[in-house]
């Protein structure tokens, strides 16, 4: 209480009031003052009051029991399902029948007419096919095996001066006979020189054809008949020069046969790779076949 008095005396001395009056006066506690916001001055807009949202209580967290927790396996990824292909049932194995063995080809005997080679029905005849099957080389000699082919043929004779023109006309006639009979041309024209002398030569002109299977044999005119081309082992010489220079090719053939001591048949076979249009053609190509005895 002593401290309280000191405080009261000091207050009386400052204000000049009687101490008794102060001691007898009870001071009421201050009442709560309600604060009212002041009105804004004229012309100032009042901001709208934003309501404060109510606080949402946090969600309850489930209690996790103590100790190790079991590991849940991860879900398998969902992928497209591939359908399994259905395998066809196996085909029954059929035993193959043994195929007949084809006999080897037989070369014709001397004086025997060679058989006609059968034409493949599935192939298309080639009018430019040669007996050797490939082009020759003027600087080399080829050993080839001639296979007999069916031909339209005609016999004749001519002088040396008219030989080129006569052969050209003969082959034109053979082509006309083949077209009339419906026989496709299947190779280059041939001339077999049967005999020669100083005045001229005797020959057999031939045109390879592909006979049509079935039906009777066609009839030909102008002395044309159906036969077979020469066959057997042969030596092929190539002449590429004007027809008037073919004697130089035969001189080369004679020198080669003498150097090799090769005895050949008397008949020479010419195959005209080029058409006989111009005897002075420098690119005229002729295969000359010589058959050893």
C-alpha atoms as a PDB file:
ATOM      1  CA  UNK A   1       0.000   0.000   0.000  1.00  0.00           C
ATOM      2  CA  UNK A   2       2.921   2.390   0.651  1.00  0.00           C
ATOM      3  CA  UNK A   3       3.761   2.462  -2.940  1.00  0.00           C
ATOM      4  CA  UNK A   4       0.198   3.241  -3.844  1.00  0.00           C
ATOM      5  CA  UNK A   5       0.120   6.299  -1.568  1.00  0.00           C
ATOM      6  CA  UNK A   6       3.207   7.737  -2.978  1.00  0.00           C
ATOM      7  CA  UNK A   7       1.561   7.605  -6.304  1.00  0.00           C
ATOM      8  CA  UNK A   8      -1.617   9.351  -5.067  1.00  0.00           C
ATOM      9  CA  UNK A   9       0.268  12.163  -3.305  1.00  0.00           C
ATOM     10  CA  UNK A  10       2.223  12.876  -6.327  1.00  0.00           C
ATOM     11  CA  UNK A  11      -0.959  13.110  -8.348  1.00  0.00           C
ATOM     12  CA  UNK A  12      -2.582  15.601  -5.779  1.00  0.00           C
ATOM     13  CA  UNK A  13       0.395  17.777  -5.791  1.00  0.00           C
ATOM     14  CA  UNK A  14       0.224  18.061  -9.535  1.00  0.00           C
ATOM     15  CA  UNK A  15      -3.538  18.753  -9.788  1.00  0.00           C
ATOM     16  CA  UNK A  16      -4.205  20.671  -6.526  1.00  0.00           C
ATOM     17  CA  UNK A  17      -7.163  18.453  -5.623  1.00  0.00           C
ATOM     18  CA  UNK A  18      -7.924  17.337  -2.065  1.00  0.00           C
ATOM     19  CA  UNK A  19      -6.717  13.921  -1.244  1.00  0.00           C
ATOM     20  CA  UNK A  20      -9.825  13.023   0.578  1.00  0.00           C
ATOM     21  CA  UNK A  21     -12.012  13.589  -2.354  1.00  0.00           C
ATOM     22  CA  UNK A  22      -9.835  11.456  -4.459  1.00  0.00           C
ATOM     23  CA  UNK A  23      -9.804   8.780  -1.885  1.00  0.00           C
ATOM     24  CA  UNK A  24     -13.544   8.715  -1.689  1.00  0.00           C
ATOM     25  CA  UNK A  25     -14.216   8.829  -5.396  1.00  0.00           C
ATOM     26  CA  UNK A  26     -14.546   5.472  -7.122  1.00  0.00           C
ATOM     27  CA  UNK A  27     -13.452   5.399 -10.721  1.00  0.00           C
ATOM     28  CA  UNK A  28     -15.642   3.266 -12.874  1.00  0.00           C
ATOM     29  CA  UNK A  29     -13.956   1.029 -15.340  1.00  0.00           C
ATOM     30  CA  UNK A  30     -14.043   2.239 -18.913  1.00  0.00           C
ATOM     31  CA  UNK A  31     -16.819   0.997 -20.992  1.00  0.00           C
ATOM     32  CA  UNK A  32     -16.220  -0.637 -24.331  1.00  0.00           C
ATOM     33  CA  UNK A  33     -16.268   1.867 -27.108  1.00  0.00           C
ATOM     34  CA  UNK A  34     -17.903   0.685 -30.239  1.00  0.00           C
ATOM     35  CA  UNK A  35     -15.861   1.880 -33.115  1.00  0.00           C
ATOM     36  CA  UNK A  36     -17.874   2.979 -36.074  1.00  0.00           C
ATOM     37  CA  UNK A  37     -16.066   3.485 -39.349  1.00  0.00           C
ATOM     38  CA  UNK A  38     -16.112   7.012 -40.603  1.00  0.00           C
ATOM     39  CA  UNK A  39     -18.152   7.837 -43.608  1.00  0.00           C
ATOM     40  CA  UNK A  40     -16.077   8.389 -46.725  1.00  0.00           C
ATOM     41  CA  UNK A  41     -15.879  11.911 -48.078  1.00  0.00           C
ATOM     42  CA  UNK A  42     -18.258  12.883 -50.838  1.00  0.00           C
ATOM     43  CA  UNK A  43     -17.361  11.492 -54.293  1.00  0.00           C
ATOM     44  CA  UNK A  44     -15.301   8.534 -53.011  1.00  0.00           C
ATOM     45  CA  UNK A  45     -16.646   5.049 -53.855  1.00  0.00           C
ATOM     46  CA  UNK A  46     -16.976   2.563 -51.043  1.00  0.00           C
ATOM     47  CA  UNK A  47     -15.205  -0.761 -51.803  1.00  0.00           C
ATOM     48  CA  UNK A  48     -17.373  -3.816 -51.577  1.00  0.00           C
ATOM     49  CA  UNK A  49     -16.834  -6.072 -48.630  1.00  0.00           C
ATOM     50  CA  UNK A  50     -15.416  -9.455 -49.691  1.00  0.00           C
ATOM     51  CA  UNK A  51     -16.867 -12.219 -47.552  1.00  0.00           C
ATOM     52  CA  UNK A  52     -14.279 -14.390 -45.924  1.00  0.00           C
ATOM     53  CA  UNK A  53     -14.932 -18.033 -46.711  1.00  0.00           C
ATOM     54  CA  UNK A  54     -15.451 -20.335 -43.830  1.00  0.00           C
ATOM     55  CA  UNK A  55     -12.519 -22.490 -42.957  1.00  0.00           C
ATOM     56  CA  UNK A  56     -13.004 -26.124 -43.996  1.00  0.00           C
ATOM     57  CA  UNK A  57     -11.633 -28.492 -41.419  1.00  0.00           C
ATOM     58  CA  UNK A  58      -8.826 -30.653 -42.826  1.00  0.00           C
ATOM     59  CA  UNK A  59      -9.642 -34.183 -43.804  1.00  0.00           C
ATOM     60  CA  UNK A  60      -8.807 -36.826 -41.299  1.00  0.00           C
ATOM     61  CA  UNK A  61      -5.570 -38.697 -42.097  1.00  0.00           C
ATOM     62  CA  UNK A  62      -5.886 -42.429 -41.633  1.00  0.00           C
ATOM     63  CA  UNK A  63      -3.593 -43.859 -39.093  1.00  0.00           C
ATOM     64  CA  UNK A  64      -0.859 -46.132 -40.507  1.00  0.00           C
ATOM     65  CA  UNK A  65      -0.036 -49.049 -38.237  1.00  0.00           C
ATOM     66  CA  UNK A  66       3.561 -49.414 -37.241  1.00  0.00           C
ATOM     67  CA  UNK A  67       5.776 -52.057 -38.834  1.00  0.00           C
ATOM     68  CA  UNK A  68       6.635 -53.065 -42.437  1.00  0.00           C
ATOM     69  CA  UNK A  69       3.840 -52.643 -44.945  1.00  0.00           C
ATOM     70  CA  UNK A  70       3.114 -55.255 -47.667  1.00  0.00           C
ATOM     71  CA  UNK A  71       4.181 -54.196 -51.162  1.00  0.00           C
ATOM     72  CA  UNK A  72       1.295 -54.113 -53.594  1.00  0.00           C
ATOM     73  CA  UNK A  73       2.181 -55.399 -57.131  1.00  0.00           C
ATOM     74  CA  UNK A  74       1.947 -52.822 -59.884  1.00  0.00           C
ATOM     75  CA  UNK A  75      -1.028 -53.313 -62.200  1.00  0.00           C
ATOM     76  CA  UNK A  76      -0.162 -54.990 -65.491  1.00  0.00           C
ATOM     77  CA  UNK A  77      -0.296 -52.595 -68.478  1.00  0.00           C
ATOM     78  CA  UNK A  78      -3.300 -53.027 -70.631  1.00  0.00           C
ATOM     79  CA  UNK A  79      -2.199 -53.675 -74.219  1.00  0.00           C
ATOM     80  CA  UNK A  80      -3.917 -54.806 -77.418  1.00  0.00           C
ATOM     81  CA  UNK A  81      -4.594 -58.501 -77.549  1.00  0.00           C
ATOM     82  CA  UNK A  82      -3.050 -60.099 -80.671  1.00  0.00           C
ATOM     83  CA  UNK A  83      -5.148 -62.947 -81.984  1.00  0.00           C
ATOM     84  CA  UNK A  84      -3.271 -66.182 -82.481  1.00  0.00           C
ATOM     85  CA  UNK A  85      -3.277 -67.175 -86.203  1.00  0.00           C
ATOM     86  CA  UNK A  86      -4.938 -70.437 -86.972  1.00  0.00           C
ATOM     87  CA  UNK A  87      -2.525 -72.803 -88.710  1.00  0.00           C
ATOM     88  CA  UNK A  88      -4.052 -74.825 -91.579  1.00  0.00           C
ATOM     89  CA  UNK A  89      -3.820 -78.542 -91.212  1.00  0.00           C
ATOM     90  CA  UNK A  90      -0.750 -80.052 -92.892  1.00  0.00           C
ATOM     91  CA  UNK A  91      -1.240 -81.375 -96.396  1.00  0.00           C
ATOM     92  CA  UNK A  92      -0.794 -85.098 -96.737  1.00  0.00           C
ATOM     93  CA  UNK A  93       2.477 -86.092 -98.364  1.00  0.00           C
ATOM     94  CA  UNK A  94       1.917 -87.796-101.697  1.00  0.00           C
ATOM     95  CA  UNK A  95       4.798 -90.027-102.772  1.00  0.00           C
ATOM     96  CA  UNK A  96       6.323 -88.946-106.087  1.00  0.00           C
ATOM     97  CA  UNK A  97       6.247 -91.430-108.888  1.00  0.00           C
ATOM     98  CA  UNK A  98       9.601 -92.230-110.470  1.00  0.00           C
ATOM     99  CA  UNK A  99      10.143 -90.365-113.738  1.00  0.00           C
ATOM    100  CA  UNK A 100      11.325 -92.252-116.797  1.00  0.00           C
ATOM    101  CA  UNK A 101      14.950 -91.681-117.728  1.00  0.00           C
ATOM    102  CA  UNK A 102      15.368 -90.030-121.147  1.00  0.00           C
ATOM    103  CA  UNK A 103      17.919 -91.766-123.384  1.00  0.00           C
ATOM    104  CA  UNK A 104      20.879 -89.653-124.571  1.00  0.00           C
ATOM    105  CA  UNK A 105      20.624 -88.139-128.075  1.00  0.00           C
ATOM    106  CA  UNK A 106      21.984 -90.281-130.897  1.00  0.00           C
ATOM    107  CA  UNK A 107      23.888 -88.839-133.853  1.00  0.00           C
ATOM    108  CA  UNK A 108      22.671 -89.989-137.292  1.00  0.00           C
ATOM    109  CA  UNK A 109      24.719 -92.625-139.059  1.00  0.00           C
ATOM    110  CA  UNK A 110      26.256 -91.947-142.498  1.00  0.00           C
ATOM    111  CA  UNK A 111      23.552 -92.077-145.161  1.00  0.00           C
ATOM    112  CA  UNK A 112      20.767 -91.891-142.582  1.00  0.00           C
ATOM    113  CA  UNK A 113      18.249 -89.027-142.682  1.00  0.00           C
ATOM    114  CA  UNK A 114      18.581 -87.164-139.357  1.00  0.00           C
ATOM    115  CA  UNK A 115      15.432 -87.051-137.239  1.00  0.00           C
ATOM    116  CA  UNK A 116      13.550 -83.794-136.983  1.00  0.00           C
ATOM    117  CA  UNK A 117      13.978 -82.066-133.627  1.00  0.00           C
ATOM    118  CA  UNK A 118      10.601 -81.569-131.914  1.00  0.00           C
ATOM    119  CA  UNK A 119       9.487 -77.942-131.604  1.00  0.00           C
ATOM    120  CA  UNK A 120       8.660 -76.716-128.093  1.00  0.00           C
ATOM    121  CA  UNK A 121       4.972 -75.931-128.045  1.00  0.00           C
ATOM    122  CA  UNK A 122       5.337 -73.377-125.255  1.00  0.00           C
ATOM    123  CA  UNK A 123       8.030 -71.293-127.004  1.00  0.00           C
ATOM    124  CA  UNK A 124       7.701 -68.779-129.796  1.00  0.00           C
ATOM    125  CA  UNK A 125       9.808 -69.563-132.901  1.00  0.00           C
ATOM    126  CA  UNK A 126      12.671 -67.142-133.450  1.00  0.00           C
ATOM    127  CA  UNK A 127      13.138 -66.286-137.136  1.00  0.00           C
ATOM    128  CA  UNK A 128      16.648 -64.961-136.386  1.00  0.00           C
ATOM    129  CA  UNK A 129      17.915 -68.069-134.561  1.00  0.00           C
ATOM    130  CA  UNK A 130      21.178 -69.505-135.910  1.00  0.00           C
ATOM    131  CA  UNK A 131      22.369 -73.101-135.945  1.00  0.00           C
ATOM    132  CA  UNK A 132      25.305 -72.331-133.636  1.00  0.00           C
ATOM    133  CA  UNK A 133      23.129 -70.404-131.177  1.00  0.00           C
ATOM    134  CA  UNK A 134      25.658 -67.582-130.727  1.00  0.00           C
ATOM    135  CA  UNK A 135      27.570 -65.084-132.833  1.00  0.00           C
ATOM    136  CA  UNK A 136      30.977 -66.097-134.125  1.00  0.00           C
ATOM    137  CA  UNK A 137      34.337 -64.348-134.308  1.00  0.00           C
ATOM    138  CA  UNK A 138      36.137 -63.645-137.572  1.00  0.00           C
ATOM    139  CA  UNK A 139      39.506 -64.290-135.901  1.00  0.00           C
ATOM    140  CA  UNK A 140      38.553 -67.651-134.381  1.00  0.00           C
ATOM    141  CA  UNK A 141      37.044 -71.015-135.292  1.00  0.00           C
ATOM    142  CA  UNK A 142      34.175 -72.488-133.246  1.00  0.00           C
ATOM    143  CA  UNK A 143      33.512 -76.171-132.709  1.00  0.00           C
ATOM    144  CA  UNK A 144      29.734 -76.553-132.614  1.00  0.00           C
ATOM    145  CA  UNK A 145      27.214 -79.367-132.652  1.00  0.00           C
ATOM    146  CA  UNK A 146      24.463 -78.787-135.168  1.00  0.00           C
ATOM    147  CA  UNK A 147      21.008 -80.009-134.161  1.00  0.00           C
ATOM    148  CA  UNK A 148      18.658 -80.998-137.008  1.00  0.00           C
ATOM    149  CA  UNK A 149      15.757 -78.637-137.603  1.00  0.00           C
ATOM    150  CA  UNK A 150      12.683 -79.080-139.796  1.00  0.00           C
ATOM    151  CA  UNK A 151      13.116 -77.048-142.965  1.00  0.00           C
ATOM    152  CA  UNK A 152      11.394 -76.254-146.200  1.00  0.00           C
ATOM    153  CA  UNK A 153      13.920 -77.080-148.902  1.00  0.00           C
ATOM    154  CA  UNK A 154      14.339 -76.956-152.661  1.00  0.00           C
ATOM    155  CA  UNK A 155      17.137 -78.135-154.944  1.00  0.00           C
ATOM    156  CA  UNK A 156      18.629 -76.003-157.701  1.00  0.00           C
ATOM    157  CA  UNK A 157      21.728 -74.936-159.574  1.00  0.00           C
ATOM    158  CA  UNK A 158      23.247 -71.615-160.664  1.00  0.00           C
ATOM    159  CA  UNK A 159      26.299 -69.999-162.179  1.00  0.00           C
ATOM    160  CA  UNK A 160      28.742 -68.147-160.004  1.00  0.00           C
ATOM    161  CA  UNK A 161      27.819 -64.796-161.485  1.00  0.00           C
ATOM    162  CA  UNK A 162      24.098 -65.271-160.780  1.00  0.00           C
ATOM    163  CA  UNK A 163      24.545 -67.128-157.491  1.00  0.00           C
ATOM    164  CA  UNK A 164      23.714 -64.267-155.116  1.00  0.00           C
ATOM    165  CA  UNK A 165      20.588 -63.194-157.028  1.00  0.00           C
ATOM    166  CA  UNK A 166      19.393 -66.785-157.497  1.00  0.00           C
ATOM    167  CA  UNK A 167      19.701 -67.617-153.800  1.00  0.00           C
ATOM    168  CA  UNK A 168      17.928 -64.405-152.789  1.00  0.00           C
ATOM    169  CA  UNK A 169      14.959 -65.273-155.044  1.00  0.00           C
ATOM    170  CA  UNK A 170      14.873 -68.870-153.781  1.00  0.00           C
ATOM    171  CA  UNK A 171      14.644 -67.818-150.116  1.00  0.00           C
ATOM    172  CA  UNK A 172      11.854 -65.364-150.975  1.00  0.00           C
ATOM    173  CA  UNK A 173       9.889 -68.221-152.557  1.00  0.00           C
ATOM    174  CA  UNK A 174      10.460 -70.483-149.531  1.00  0.00           C
ATOM    175  CA  UNK A 175       9.108 -67.781-147.204  1.00  0.00           C
ATOM    176  CA  UNK A 176       6.001 -67.448-149.363  1.00  0.00           C
ATOM    177  CA  UNK A 177       5.421 -71.229-149.234  1.00  0.00           C
ATOM    178  CA  UNK A 178       5.847 -71.239-145.454  1.00  0.00           C
ATOM    179  CA  UNK A 179       3.335 -68.409-145.037  1.00  0.00           C
ATOM    180  CA  UNK A 180       0.848 -70.155-147.355  1.00  0.00           C
ATOM    181  CA  UNK A 181       1.107 -73.358-145.285  1.00  0.00           C
ATOM    182  CA  UNK A 182       0.888 -71.495-141.945  1.00  0.00           C
ATOM    183  CA  UNK A 183       4.381 -72.527-140.837  1.00  0.00           C
ATOM    184  CA  UNK A 184       6.246 -69.930-138.728  1.00  0.00           C
ATOM    185  CA  UNK A 185       9.859 -69.270-139.739  1.00  0.00           C
ATOM    186  CA  UNK A 186      12.177 -70.595-137.006  1.00  0.00           C
ATOM    187  CA  UNK A 187      15.696 -69.672-138.142  1.00  0.00           C
ATOM    188  CA  UNK A 188      17.985 -68.101-140.724  1.00  0.00           C
ATOM    189  CA  UNK A 189      18.052 -69.463-144.313  1.00  0.00           C
ATOM    190  CA  UNK A 190      20.692 -72.015-145.299  1.00  0.00           C
ATOM    191  CA  UNK A 191      22.412 -73.196-148.478  1.00  0.00           C
ATOM    192  CA  UNK A 192      24.068 -76.612-148.726  1.00  0.00           C
ATOM    193  CA  UNK A 193      26.542 -76.619-151.635  1.00  0.00           C
ATOM    194  CA  UNK A 194      26.313 -80.174-152.952  1.00  0.00           C
ATOM    195  CA  UNK A 195      28.866 -79.832-155.791  1.00  0.00           C
ATOM    196  CA  UNK A 196      30.886 -77.075-157.448  1.00  0.00           C
ATOM    197  CA  UNK A 197      32.910 -76.571-160.657  1.00  0.00           C
ATOM    198  CA  UNK A 198      34.277 -73.712-162.713  1.00  0.00           C
ATOM    199  CA  UNK A 199      30.887 -72.907-164.226  1.00  0.00           C
ATOM    200  CA  UNK A 200      28.713 -72.895-161.133  1.00  0.00           C
ATOM    201  CA  UNK A 201      27.282 -74.982-158.315  1.00  0.00           C
ATOM    202  CA  UNK A 202      24.415 -77.250-157.307  1.00  0.00           C
ATOM    203  CA  UNK A 203      22.685 -76.472-154.060  1.00  0.00           C
ATOM    204  CA  UNK A 204      19.856 -77.233-151.649  1.00  0.00           C
ATOM    205  CA  UNK A 205      18.268 -74.077-150.226  1.00  0.00           C
ATOM    206  CA  UNK A 206      16.621 -74.481-146.790  1.00  0.00           C
ATOM    207  CA  UNK A 207      14.400 -72.366-144.537  1.00  0.00           C
ATOM    208  CA  UNK A 208      13.914 -73.543-140.903  1.00  0.00           C
ATOM    209  CA  UNK A 209      10.229 -73.645-139.905  1.00  0.00           C
ATOM    210  CA  UNK A 210       8.161 -74.689-136.896  1.00  0.00           C
ATOM    211  CA  UNK A 211       5.617 -77.283-138.037  1.00  0.00           C
ATOM    212  CA  UNK A 212       2.168 -77.111-136.503  1.00  0.00           C
ATOM    213  CA  UNK A 213       1.428 -80.168-134.362  1.00  0.00           C
ATOM    214  CA  UNK A 214      -1.457 -82.331-135.504  1.00  0.00           C
ATOM    215  CA  UNK A 215      -3.246 -82.503-138.801  1.00  0.00           C
ATOM    216  CA  UNK A 216      -2.035 -83.746-142.180  1.00  0.00           C
ATOM    217  CA  UNK A 217       1.233 -82.511-143.677  1.00  0.00           C
ATOM    218  CA  UNK A 218       0.666 -79.462-145.889  1.00  0.00           C
ATOM    219  CA  UNK A 219       1.260 -79.663-149.633  1.00  0.00           C
ATOM    220  CA  UNK A 220       3.809 -77.355-151.249  1.00  0.00           C
ATOM    221  CA  UNK A 221       4.320 -76.169-154.808  1.00  0.00           C
ATOM    222  CA  UNK A 222       7.328 -75.146-156.958  1.00  0.00           C
ATOM    223  CA  UNK A 223       9.253 -78.276-155.982  1.00  0.00           C
ATOM    224  CA  UNK A 224       9.353 -77.340-152.262  1.00  0.00           C
ATOM    225  CA  UNK A 225       9.421 -80.210-149.791  1.00  0.00           C
ATOM    226  CA  UNK A 226       9.765 -80.723-146.056  1.00  0.00           C
ATOM    227  CA  UNK A 227      13.110 -82.029-144.781  1.00  0.00           C
ATOM    228  CA  UNK A 228      15.750 -81.638-142.055  1.00  0.00           C
ATOM    229  CA  UNK A 229      18.859 -79.502-141.838  1.00  0.00           C
ATOM    230  CA  UNK A 230      22.354 -81.074-141.564  1.00  0.00           C
ATOM    231  CA  UNK A 231      23.390 -82.191-138.084  1.00  0.00           C
ATOM    232  CA  UNK A 232      26.496 -83.298-136.262  1.00  0.00           C
ATOM    233  CA  UNK A 233      29.880 -81.891-135.136  1.00  0.00           C
ATOM    234  CA  UNK A 234      30.987 -78.947-137.267  1.00  0.00           C
ATOM    235  CA  UNK A 235      33.550 -76.167-137.506  1.00  0.00           C
ATOM    236  CA  UNK A 236      32.039 -72.708-137.847  1.00  0.00           C
ATOM    237  CA  UNK A 237      33.861 -69.885-139.703  1.00  0.00           C
ATOM    238  CA  UNK A 238      32.471 -66.340-139.783  1.00  0.00           C
ATOM    239  CA  UNK A 239      32.458 -64.142-142.893  1.00  0.00           C
ATOM    240  CA  UNK A 240      31.709 -60.410-142.428  1.00  0.00           C
ATOM    241  CA  UNK A 241      32.371 -58.691-145.757  1.00  0.00           C
ATOM    242  CA  UNK A 242      30.734 -58.248-149.183  1.00  0.00           C
ATOM    243  CA  UNK A 243      29.571 -61.446-150.824  1.00  0.00           C
ATOM    244  CA  UNK A 244      32.059 -60.987-153.653  1.00  0.00           C
ATOM    245  CA  UNK A 245      34.875 -61.405-151.100  1.00  0.00           C
ATOM    246  CA  UNK A 246      33.668 -64.743-149.763  1.00  0.00           C
ATOM    247  CA  UNK A 247      36.409 -66.532-151.741  1.00  0.00           C
ATOM    248  CA  UNK A 248      38.955 -65.118-149.267  1.00  0.00           C
ATOM    249  CA  UNK A 249      37.034 -66.754-146.409  1.00  0.00           C
ATOM    250  CA  UNK A 250      37.137 -70.119-148.178  1.00  0.00           C
ATOM    251  CA  UNK A 251      40.883 -69.723-148.702  1.00  0.00           C
ATOM    252  CA  UNK A 252      41.242 -69.238-144.947  1.00  0.00           C
ATOM    253  CA  UNK A 253      39.141 -72.373-144.363  1.00  0.00           C
ATOM    254  CA  UNK A 254      41.292 -74.425-146.724  1.00  0.00           C
ATOM    255  CA  UNK A 255      44.523 -73.249-145.068  1.00  0.00           C
ATOM    256  CA  UNK A 256      43.150 -74.059-141.594  1.00  0.00           C
ATOM    257  CA  UNK A 257      42.059 -77.577-142.570  1.00  0.00           C
ATOM    258  CA  UNK A 258      45.447 -78.337-144.181  1.00  0.00           C
ATOM    259  CA  UNK A 259      47.355 -77.027-141.154  1.00  0.00           C
ATOM    260  CA  UNK A 260      45.223 -79.178-138.791  1.00  0.00           C
ATOM    261  CA  UNK A 261      45.146 -82.185-141.165  1.00  0.00           C
ATOM    262  CA  UNK A 262      41.358 -82.293-140.919  1.00  0.00           C
ATOM    263  CA  UNK A 263      39.445 -84.238-143.571  1.00  0.00           C
ATOM    264  CA  UNK A 264      35.942 -82.878-144.117  1.00  0.00           C
ATOM    265  CA  UNK A 265      32.873 -83.680-146.162  1.00  0.00           C
ATOM    266  CA  UNK A 266      32.625 -82.253-149.652  1.00  0.00           C
ATOM    267  CA  UNK A 267      29.432 -80.283-148.831  1.00  0.00           C
ATOM    268  CA  UNK A 268      29.735 -76.798-147.312  1.00  0.00           C
ATOM    269  CA  UNK A 269      26.846 -75.201-145.442  1.00  0.00           C
ATOM    270  CA  UNK A 270      26.281 -71.434-145.497  1.00  0.00           C
ATOM    271  CA  UNK A 271      23.929 -69.713-143.029  1.00  0.00           C
ATOM    272  CA  UNK A 272      22.909 -66.160-143.893  1.00  0.00           C
ATOM    273  CA  UNK A 273      22.709 -64.143-140.672  1.00  0.00           C
ATOM    274  CA  UNK A 274      22.048 -61.041-142.804  1.00  0.00           C
ATOM    275  CA  UNK A 275      19.416 -60.829-145.522  1.00  0.00           C
ATOM    276  CA  UNK A 276      20.728 -61.219-149.074  1.00  0.00           C
ATOM    277  CA  UNK A 277      19.750 -57.751-150.292  1.00  0.00           C
ATOM    278  CA  UNK A 278      23.032 -56.245-151.512  1.00  0.00           C
ATOM    279  CA  UNK A 279      26.113 -58.308-152.521  1.00  0.00           C
ATOM    280  CA  UNK A 280      28.325 -55.235-151.873  1.00  0.00           C
ATOM    281  CA  UNK A 281      27.158 -54.832-148.262  1.00  0.00           C
ATOM    282  CA  UNK A 282      30.390 -54.589-146.160  1.00  0.00           C
ATOM    283  CA  UNK A 283      28.495 -55.837-143.069  1.00  0.00           C
ATOM    284  CA  UNK A 284      27.060 -58.921-144.721  1.00  0.00           C
ATOM    285  CA  UNK A 285      27.363 -61.728-142.132  1.00  0.00           C
ATOM    286  CA  UNK A 286      27.497 -65.395-143.125  1.00  0.00           C
ATOM    287  CA  UNK A 287      28.284 -68.493-141.054  1.00  0.00           C
ATOM    288  CA  UNK A 288      30.155 -71.192-142.966  1.00  0.00           C
ATOM    289  CA  UNK A 289      29.906 -74.697-141.432  1.00  0.00           C
ATOM    290  CA  UNK A 290      32.372 -77.464-142.332  1.00  0.00           C
ATOM    291  CA  UNK A 291      31.710 -81.010-141.108  1.00  0.00           C
ATOM    292  CA  UNK A 292      34.671 -83.334-140.476  1.00  0.00           C
ATOM    293  CA  UNK A 293      34.382 -86.883-141.725  1.00  0.00           C
END
